[in-house]
Amino acid sequence: MAIETEIFCDGVYQIHVLEETLRMDLMRLQPSPENKTPVPKPFERVVFTRQGFLRTYEAMTQIIRKLEELGYIKRQPPAEDGPAGAK
């Protein structure tokens, strides 16, 4: 399979569900004119069926497991008293 188009993004800006589809807005970090701190700017949307999103989630989960095995990422243990502010 030949890939014709490549899209670079720095992450996901927003995900929302509308009827039978899940819409994922991608973002790029751009310098802020005021202080040069990067700010997210949405630029592209990917629309999934629910089944397509679940297949994508499973594929991403497998990639995360592989990166953990290789030592590229490490999971943080959960805090003992739960989320901040929870009582």
PDB file of N, CA and C in Angstrom:
ATOM      1  N   MET A   1       0.845  -1.180   0.000  1.00  0.00           N
ATOM      2  CA  MET A   1       0.000   0.000   0.000  1.00  0.00           C
ATOM      3  C   MET A   1       0.890   1.243   0.000  1.00  0.00           C
ATOM      4  N   ALA A   2       0.665   2.129  -0.916  1.00  0.00           N
ATOM      5  CA  ALA A   2       1.427   3.373  -0.995  1.00  0.00           C
ATOM      6  C   ALA A   2       0.660   4.482  -0.285  1.00  0.00           C
ATOM      7  N   ILE A   3       1.349   5.187   0.611  1.00  0.00           N
ATOM      8  CA  ILE A   3       0.722   6.300   1.316  1.00  0.00           C
ATOM      9  C   ILE A   3       0.968   7.559   0.509  1.00  0.00           C
ATOM     10  N   GLU A   4      -0.092   8.250   0.175  1.00  0.00           N
ATOM     11  CA  GLU A   4      -0.014   9.444  -0.666  1.00  0.00           C
ATOM     12  C   GLU A   4       0.167  10.732   0.142  1.00  0.00           C
ATOM     13  N   THR A   5      -0.445  10.775   1.328  1.00  0.00           N
ATOM     14  CA  THR A   5      -0.456  12.004   2.110  1.00  0.00           C
ATOM     15  C   THR A   5       0.039  11.733   3.519  1.00  0.00           C
ATOM     16  N   GLU A   6       0.847  12.651   4.029  1.00  0.00           N
ATOM     17  CA  GLU A   6       1.323  12.543   5.400  1.00  0.00           C
ATOM     18  C   GLU A   6       0.910  13.817   6.125  1.00  0.00           C
ATOM     19  N   ILE A   7       0.339  13.656   7.331  1.00  0.00           N
ATOM     20  CA  ILE A   7      -0.108  14.798   8.125  1.00  0.00           C
ATOM     21  C   ILE A   7       0.655  14.784   9.435  1.00  0.00           C
ATOM     22  N   PHE A   8       1.278  15.904   9.778  1.00  0.00           N
ATOM     23  CA  PHE A   8       1.965  16.032  11.061  1.00  0.00           C
ATOM     24  C   PHE A   8       1.049  16.755  12.035  1.00  0.00           C
ATOM     25  N   CYS A   9       0.957  16.227  13.267  1.00  0.00           N
ATOM     26  CA  CYS A   9       0.239  16.940  14.322  1.00  0.00           C
ATOM     27  C   CYS A   9       0.996  16.764  15.623  1.00  0.00           C
ATOM     28  N   ASP A  10       0.806  17.696  16.543  1.00  0.00           N
ATOM     29  CA  ASP A  10       1.420  17.614  17.862  1.00  0.00           C
ATOM     30  C   ASP A  10       0.514  16.909  18.863  1.00  0.00           C
ATOM     31  N   GLY A  11      -0.722  16.657  18.481  1.00  0.00           N
ATOM     32  CA  GLY A  11      -1.637  15.976  19.392  1.00  0.00           C
ATOM     33  C   GLY A  11      -3.084  16.185  18.993  1.00  0.00           C
ATOM     34  N   VAL A  12      -3.948  15.818  19.919  1.00  0.00           N
ATOM     35  CA  VAL A  12      -5.394  15.933  19.713  1.00  0.00           C
ATOM     36  C   VAL A  12      -5.886  17.176  20.457  1.00  0.00           C
ATOM     37  N   TYR A  13      -6.624  18.015  19.771  1.00  0.00           N
ATOM     38  CA  TYR A  13      -7.163  19.240  20.368  1.00  0.00           C
ATOM     39  C   TYR A  13      -8.460  18.948  21.106  1.00  0.00           C
ATOM     40  N   GLN A  14      -9.334  18.180  20.461  1.00  0.00           N
ATOM     41  CA  GLN A  14     -10.642  17.909  21.041  1.00  0.00           C
ATOM     42  C   GLN A  14     -11.217  16.655  20.401  1.00  0.00           C
ATOM     43  N   ILE A  15     -11.972  15.892  21.177  1.00  0.00           N
ATOM     44  CA  ILE A  15     -12.707  14.742  20.656  1.00  0.00           C
ATOM     45  C   ILE A  15     -14.158  14.903  21.065  1.00  0.00           C
ATOM     46  N   HIS A  16     -15.058  14.717  20.126  1.00  0.00           N
ATOM     47  CA  HIS A  16     -16.472  14.756  20.480  1.00  0.00           C
ATOM     48  C   HIS A  16     -17.251  13.735  19.656  1.00  0.00           C
ATOM     49  N   VAL A  17     -18.357  13.302  20.224  1.00  0.00           N
ATOM     50  CA  VAL A  17     -19.217  12.304  19.588  1.00  0.00           C
ATOM     51  C   VAL A  17     -20.449  13.013  19.063  1.00  0.00           C
ATOM     52  N   LEU A  18     -20.788  12.716  17.829  1.00  0.00           N
ATOM     53  CA  LEU A  18     -21.987  13.274  17.218  1.00  0.00           C
ATOM     54  C   LEU A  18     -22.700  12.145  16.500  1.00  0.00           C
ATOM     55  N   GLU A  19     -23.844  11.775  17.024  1.00  0.00           N
ATOM     56  CA  GLU A  19     -24.637  10.676  16.487  1.00  0.00           C
ATOM     57  C   GLU A  19     -23.804   9.404  16.419  1.00  0.00           C
ATOM     58  N   GLU A  20     -23.562   8.867  15.247  1.00  0.00           N
ATOM     59  CA  GLU A  20     -22.859   7.586  15.097  1.00  0.00           C
ATOM     60  C   GLU A  20     -21.358   7.745  14.866  1.00  0.00           C
ATOM     61  N   THR A  21     -20.833   8.970  14.946  1.00  0.00           N
ATOM     62  CA  THR A  21     -19.425   9.185  14.637  1.00  0.00           C
ATOM     63  C   THR A  21     -18.683   9.847  15.788  1.00  0.00           C
ATOM     64  N   LEU A  22     -17.386   9.624  15.807  1.00  0.00           N
ATOM     65  CA  LEU A  22     -16.496  10.266  16.757  1.00  0.00           C
ATOM     66  C   LEU A  22     -15.585  11.182  15.952  1.00  0.00           C
ATOM     67  N   ARG A  23     -15.494  12.431  16.346  1.00  0.00           N
ATOM     68  CA  ARG A  23     -14.713  13.423  15.612  1.00  0.00           C
ATOM     69  C   ARG A  23     -13.522  13.856  16.452  1.00  0.00           C
ATOM     70  N   MET A  24     -12.341  13.698  15.880  1.00  0.00           N
ATOM     71  CA  MET A  24     -11.099  14.015  16.574  1.00  0.00           C
ATOM     72  C   MET A  24     -10.422  15.175  15.849  1.00  0.00           C
ATOM     73  N   ASP A  25     -10.327  16.304  16.540  1.00  0.00           N
ATOM     74  CA  ASP A  25      -9.673  17.480  15.975  1.00  0.00           C
ATOM     75  C   ASP A  25      -8.185  17.439  16.319  1.00  0.00           C
ATOM     76  N   LEU A  26      -7.346  17.457  15.302  1.00  0.00           N
ATOM     77  CA  LEU A  26      -5.898  17.448  15.496  1.00  0.00           C
ATOM     78  C   LEU A  26      -5.394  18.871  15.673  1.00  0.00           C
ATOM     79  N   MET A  27      -4.235  19.007  16.329  1.00  0.00           N
ATOM     80  CA  MET A  27      -3.684  20.349  16.551  1.00  0.00           C
ATOM     81  C   MET A  27      -2.189  20.350  16.341  1.00  0.00           C
ATOM     82  N   ARG A  28      -1.696  21.538  16.054  1.00  0.00           N
ATOM     83  CA  ARG A  28      -0.258  21.815  15.993  1.00  0.00           C
ATOM     84  C   ARG A  28       0.040  22.906  17.001  1.00  0.00           C
ATOM     85  N   LEU A  29       1.222  22.843  17.580  1.00  0.00           N
ATOM     86  CA  LEU A  29       1.646  23.903  18.494  1.00  0.00           C
ATOM     87  C   LEU A  29       2.248  25.033  17.673  1.00  0.00           C
ATOM     88  N   GLN A  30       1.780  26.238  17.931  1.00  0.00           N
ATOM     89  CA  GLN A  30       2.253  27.429  17.233  1.00  0.00           C
ATOM     90  C   GLN A  30       2.735  28.438  18.268  1.00  0.00           C
ATOM     91  N   PRO A  31       3.773  29.231  17.943  1.00  0.00           N
ATOM     92  CA  PRO A  31       4.228  30.242  18.905  1.00  0.00           C
ATOM     93  C   PRO A  31       3.155  31.308  19.128  1.00  0.00           C
ATOM     94  N   SER A  32       3.029  31.726  20.362  1.00  0.00           N
ATOM     95  CA  SER A  32       2.107  32.805  20.697  1.00  0.00           C
ATOM     96  C   SER A  32       2.778  34.132  20.333  1.00  0.00           C
ATOM     97  N   PRO A  33       2.062  35.054  19.689  1.00  0.00           N
ATOM     98  CA  PRO A  33       2.671  36.344  19.340  1.00  0.00           C
ATOM     99  C   PRO A  33       3.130  37.135  20.568  1.00  0.00           C
ATOM    100  N   GLU A  34       2.449  36.936  21.713  1.00  0.00           N
ATOM    101  CA  GLU A  34       2.763  37.721  22.905  1.00  0.00           C
ATOM    102  C   GLU A  34       4.037  37.253  23.604  1.00  0.00           C
ATOM    103  N   ASN A  35       4.156  35.949  23.867  1.00  0.00           N
ATOM    104  CA  ASN A  35       5.282  35.503  24.679  1.00  0.00           C
ATOM    105  C   ASN A  35       6.024  34.295  24.113  1.00  0.00           C
ATOM    106  N   LYS A  36       5.732  33.927  22.908  1.00  0.00           N
ATOM    107  CA  LYS A  36       6.408  32.816  22.229  1.00  0.00           C
ATOM    108  C   LYS A  36       6.159  31.444  22.873  1.00  0.00           C
ATOM    109  N   THR A  37       5.277  31.370  23.880  1.00  0.00           N
ATOM    110  CA  THR A  37       4.901  30.082  24.443  1.00  0.00           C
ATOM    111  C   THR A  37       4.000  29.377  23.443  1.00  0.00           C
ATOM    112  N   PRO A  38       4.290  28.119  23.110  1.00  0.00           N
ATOM    113  CA  PRO A  38       3.457  27.429  22.121  1.00  0.00           C
ATOM    114  C   PRO A  38       1.997  27.329  22.560  1.00  0.00           C
ATOM    115  N   VAL A  39       1.110  27.561  21.624  1.00  0.00           N
ATOM    116  CA  VAL A  39      -0.326  27.423  21.875  1.00  0.00           C
ATOM    117  C   VAL A  39      -0.903  26.450  20.839  1.00  0.00           C
ATOM    118  N   PRO A  40      -1.870  25.622  21.256  1.00  0.00           N
ATOM    119  CA  PRO A  40      -2.455  24.669  20.317  1.00  0.00           C
ATOM    120  C   PRO A  40      -3.382  25.359  19.319  1.00  0.00           C
ATOM    121  N   LYS A  41      -3.263  24.971  18.055  1.00  0.00           N
ATOM    122  CA  LYS A  41      -4.131  25.491  16.995  1.00  0.00           C
ATOM    123  C   LYS A  41      -4.724  24.296  16.242  1.00  0.00           C
ATOM    124  N   PRO A  42      -6.048  24.101  16.324  1.00  0.00           N
ATOM    125  CA  PRO A  42      -6.648  22.992  15.573  1.00  0.00           C
ATOM    126  C   PRO A  42      -6.528  23.247  14.074  1.00  0.00           C
ATOM    127  N   PHE A  43      -6.325  22.167  13.296  1.00  0.00           N
ATOM    128  CA  PHE A  43      -6.141  22.364  11.867  1.00  0.00           C
ATOM    129  C   PHE A  43      -6.784  21.290  10.995  1.00  0.00           C
ATOM    130  N   GLU A  44      -7.126  20.146  11.556  1.00  0.00           N
ATOM    131  CA  GLU A  44      -7.657  19.048  10.746  1.00  0.00           C
ATOM    132  C   GLU A  44      -8.564  18.194  11.613  1.00  0.00           C
ATOM    133  N   ARG A  45      -9.564  17.574  11.000  1.00  0.00           N
ATOM    134  CA  ARG A  45     -10.478  16.699  11.739  1.00  0.00           C
ATOM    135  C   ARG A  45     -10.488  15.321  11.106  1.00  0.00           C
ATOM    136  N   VAL A  46     -10.442  14.294  11.972  1.00  0.00           N
ATOM    137  CA  VAL A  46     -10.577  12.914  11.533  1.00  0.00           C
ATOM    138  C   VAL A  46     -11.905  12.412  12.096  1.00  0.00           C
ATOM    139  N   VAL A  47     -12.731  11.810  11.239  1.00  0.00           N
ATOM    140  CA  VAL A  47     -14.036  11.314  11.651  1.00  0.00           C
ATOM    141  C   VAL A  47     -14.005   9.790  11.606  1.00  0.00           C
ATOM    142  N   PHE A  48     -14.349   9.170  12.728  1.00  0.00           N
ATOM    143  CA  PHE A  48     -14.354   7.718  12.860  1.00  0.00           C
ATOM    144  C   PHE A  48     -15.773   7.208  13.087  1.00  0.00           C
ATOM    145  N   THR A  49     -16.038   5.983  12.643  1.00  0.00           N
ATOM    146  CA  THR A  49     -17.196   5.268  13.161  1.00  0.00           C
ATOM    147  C   THR A  49     -16.812   4.806  14.562  1.00  0.00           C
ATOM    148  N   ARG A  50     -17.771   4.384  15.362  1.00  0.00           N
ATOM    149  CA  ARG A  50     -17.429   3.878  16.694  1.00  0.00           C
ATOM    150  C   ARG A  50     -16.500   2.673  16.592  1.00  0.00           C
ATOM    151  N   GLN A  51     -16.796   1.780  15.655  1.00  0.00           N
ATOM    152  CA  GLN A  51     -15.962   0.600  15.483  1.00  0.00           C
ATOM    153  C   GLN A  51     -14.551   0.982  15.020  1.00  0.00           C
ATOM    154  N   GLY A  52     -14.457   1.943  14.126  1.00  0.00           N
ATOM    155  CA  GLY A  52     -13.154   2.405  13.658  1.00  0.00           C
ATOM    156  C   GLY A  52     -12.341   3.027  14.775  1.00  0.00           C
ATOM    157  N   PHE A  53     -13.000   3.781  15.654  1.00  0.00           N
ATOM    158  CA  PHE A  53     -12.292   4.379  16.784  1.00  0.00           C
ATOM    159  C   PHE A  53     -11.798   3.296  17.738  1.00  0.00           C
ATOM    160  N   LEU A  54     -12.625   2.293  18.000  1.00  0.00           N
ATOM    161  CA  LEU A  54     -12.211   1.209  18.898  1.00  0.00           C
ATOM    162  C   LEU A  54     -11.030   0.424  18.323  1.00  0.00           C
ATOM    163  N   ARG A  55     -11.023   0.206  17.008  1.00  0.00           N
ATOM    164  CA  ARG A  55      -9.877  -0.458  16.378  1.00  0.00           C
ATOM    165  C   ARG A  55      -8.624   0.405  16.510  1.00  0.00           C
ATOM    166  N   THR A  56      -8.774   1.711  16.346  1.00  0.00           N
ATOM    167  CA  THR A  56      -7.645   2.635  16.489  1.00  0.00           C
ATOM    168  C   THR A  56      -7.139   2.643  17.923  1.00  0.00           C
ATOM    169  N   TYR A  57      -8.045   2.646  18.884  1.00  0.00           N
ATOM    170  CA  TYR A  57      -7.674   2.608  20.302  1.00  0.00           C
ATOM    171  C   TYR A  57      -6.861   1.351  20.603  1.00  0.00           C
ATOM    172  N   GLU A  58      -7.311   0.206  20.097  1.00  0.00           N
ATOM    173  CA  GLU A  58      -6.587  -1.049  20.322  1.00  0.00           C
ATOM    174  C   GLU A  58      -5.191  -0.988  19.703  1.00  0.00           C
ATOM    175  N   ALA A  59      -5.072  -0.441  18.503  1.00  0.00           N
ATOM    176  CA  ALA A  59      -3.766  -0.316  17.853  1.00  0.00           C
ATOM    177  C   ALA A  59      -2.849   0.596  18.674  1.00  0.00           C
ATOM    178  N   MET A  60      -3.369   1.706  19.184  1.00  0.00           N
ATOM    179  CA  MET A  60      -2.565   2.628  19.997  1.00  0.00           C
ATOM    180  C   MET A  60      -2.150   1.960  21.305  1.00  0.00           C
ATOM    181  N   THR A  61      -3.033   1.167  21.895  1.00  0.00           N
ATOM    182  CA  THR A  61      -2.714   0.454  23.127  1.00  0.00           C
ATOM    183  C   THR A  61      -1.558  -0.506  22.898  1.00  0.00           C
ATOM    184  N   GLN A  62      -1.559  -1.204  21.767  1.00  0.00           N
ATOM    185  CA  GLN A  62      -0.463  -2.116  21.441  1.00  0.00           C
ATOM    186  C   GLN A  62       0.854  -1.356  21.263  1.00  0.00           C
ATOM    187  N   ILE A  63       0.801  -0.180  20.650  1.00  0.00           N
ATOM    188  CA  ILE A  63       2.007   0.633  20.476  1.00  0.00           C
ATOM    189  C   ILE A  63       2.541   1.086  21.827  1.00  0.00           C
ATOM    190  N   ILE A  64       1.650   1.506  22.727  1.00  0.00           N
ATOM    191  CA  ILE A  64       2.077   1.939  24.065  1.00  0.00           C
ATOM    192  C   ILE A  64       2.747   0.787  24.796  1.00  0.00           C
ATOM    193  N   ARG A  65       2.162  -0.410  24.729  1.00  0.00           N
ATOM    194  CA  ARG A  65       2.777  -1.585  25.375  1.00  0.00           C
ATOM    195  C   ARG A  65       4.179  -1.838  24.829  1.00  0.00           C
ATOM    196  N   LYS A  66       4.341  -1.737  23.518  1.00  0.00           N
ATOM    197  CA  LYS A  66       5.647  -1.968  22.898  1.00  0.00           C
ATOM    198  C   LYS A  66       6.662  -0.905  23.365  1.00  0.00           C
ATOM    199  N   LEU A  67       6.237   0.369  23.413  1.00  0.00           N
ATOM    200  CA  LEU A  67       7.124   1.437  23.879  1.00  0.00           C
ATOM    201  C   LEU A  67       7.523   1.226  25.334  1.00  0.00           C
ATOM    202  N   GLU A  68       6.592   0.705  26.156  1.00  0.00           N
ATOM    203  CA  GLU A  68       6.926   0.382  27.549  1.00  0.00           C
ATOM    204  C   GLU A  68       7.957  -0.748  27.607  1.00  0.00           C
ATOM    205  N   GLU A  69       7.755  -1.792  26.800  1.00  0.00           N
ATOM    206  CA  GLU A  69       8.704  -2.910  26.767  1.00  0.00           C
ATOM    207  C   GLU A  69      10.103  -2.438  26.377  1.00  0.00           C
ATOM    208  N   LEU A  70      10.172  -1.490  25.447  1.00  0.00           N
ATOM    209  CA  LEU A  70      11.459  -0.979  24.984  1.00  0.00           C
ATOM    210  C   LEU A  70      12.070   0.044  25.942  1.00  0.00           C
ATOM    211  N   GLY A  71      11.295   0.467  26.954  1.00  0.00           N
ATOM    212  CA  GLY A  71      11.793   1.427  27.936  1.00  0.00           C
ATOM    213  C   GLY A  71      11.687   2.881  27.520  1.00  0.00           C
ATOM    214  N   TYR A  72      10.966   3.153  26.417  1.00  0.00           N
ATOM    215  CA  TYR A  72      10.812   4.539  25.963  1.00  0.00           C
ATOM    216  C   TYR A  72       9.847   5.334  26.825  1.00  0.00           C
ATOM    217  N   ILE A  73       8.863   4.647  27.406  1.00  0.00           N
ATOM    218  CA  ILE A  73       7.933   5.322  28.313  1.00  0.00           C
ATOM    219  C   ILE A  73       7.776   4.465  29.559  1.00  0.00           C
ATOM    220  N   LYS A  74       7.469   5.120  30.671  1.00  0.00           N
ATOM    221  CA  LYS A  74       7.253   4.433  31.939  1.00  0.00           C
ATOM    222  C   LYS A  74       5.954   4.957  32.536  1.00  0.00           C
ATOM    223  N   ARG A  75       5.137   4.038  33.021  1.00  0.00           N
ATOM    224  CA  ARG A  75       3.884   4.426  33.680  1.00  0.00           C
ATOM    225  C   ARG A  75       4.179   4.894  35.096  1.00  0.00           C
ATOM    226  N   GLN A  76       3.454   5.917  35.524  1.00  0.00           N
ATOM    227  CA  GLN A  76       3.552   6.398  36.894  1.00  0.00           C
ATOM    228  C   GLN A  76       2.597   5.574  37.752  1.00  0.00           C
ATOM    229  N   PRO A  77       3.025   5.134  38.935  1.00  0.00           N
ATOM    230  CA  PRO A  77       2.090   4.419  39.800  1.00  0.00           C
ATOM    231  C   PRO A  77       0.978   5.361  40.259  1.00  0.00           C
ATOM    232  N   PRO A  78      -0.245   4.846  40.448  1.00  0.00           N
ATOM    233  CA  PRO A  78      -1.335   5.718  40.891  1.00  0.00           C
ATOM    234  C   PRO A  78      -1.076   6.267  42.288  1.00  0.00           C
ATOM    235  N   ALA A  79      -1.532   7.483  42.515  1.00  0.00           N
ATOM    236  CA  ALA A  79      -1.383   8.096  43.848  1.00  0.00           C
ATOM    237  C   ALA A  79      -2.194   7.290  44.852  1.00  0.00           C
ATOM    238  N   GLU A  80      -1.672   7.155  46.068  1.00  0.00           N
ATOM    239  CA  GLU A  80      -2.339   6.323  47.071  1.00  0.00           C
ATOM    240  C   GLU A  80      -3.649   6.932  47.548  1.00  0.00           C
ATOM    241  N   ASP A  81      -3.762   8.265  47.603  1.00  0.00           N
ATOM    242  CA  ASP A  81      -5.019   8.849  48.071  1.00  0.00           C
ATOM    243  C   ASP A  81      -5.919   9.265  46.925  1.00  0.00           C
ATOM    244  N   GLY A  82      -5.732   8.758  45.736  1.00  0.00           N
ATOM    245  CA  GLY A  82      -6.628   9.037  44.630  1.00  0.00           C
ATOM    246  C   GLY A  82      -6.318  10.358  43.972  1.00  0.00           C
ATOM    247  N   PRO A  83      -7.236  10.817  43.103  1.00  0.00           N
ATOM    248  CA  PRO A  83      -7.027  12.086  42.397  1.00  0.00           C
ATOM    249  C   PRO A  83      -6.925  13.256  43.354  1.00  0.00           C
ATOM    250  N   ALA A  84      -6.188  14.286  42.914  1.00  0.00           N
ATOM    251  CA  ALA A  84      -6.015  15.482  43.747  1.00  0.00           C
ATOM    252  C   ALA A  84      -7.368  16.072  44.115  1.00  0.00           C
ATOM    253  N   GLY A  85      -7.543  16.389  45.371  1.00  0.00           N
ATOM    254  CA  GLY A  85      -8.775  17.021  45.835  1.00  0.00           C
ATOM    255  C   GLY A  85      -9.885  16.034  46.145  1.00  0.00           C
ATOM    256  N   ALA A  86      -9.715  14.754  45.853  1.00  0.00           N
ATOM    257  CA  ALA A  86     -10.767  13.770  46.129  1.00  0.00           C
ATOM    258  C   ALA A  86     -10.708  13.364  47.593  1.00  0.00           C
ATOM    259  N   LYS A  87     -11.843  13.377  48.262  1.00  0.00           N
ATOM    260  CA  LYS A  87     -11.918  12.960  49.679  1.00  0.00           C
ATOM    261  C   LYS A  87     -13.205  12.252  49.933  1.00  0.00           C
TER     262      LYS A  87
END
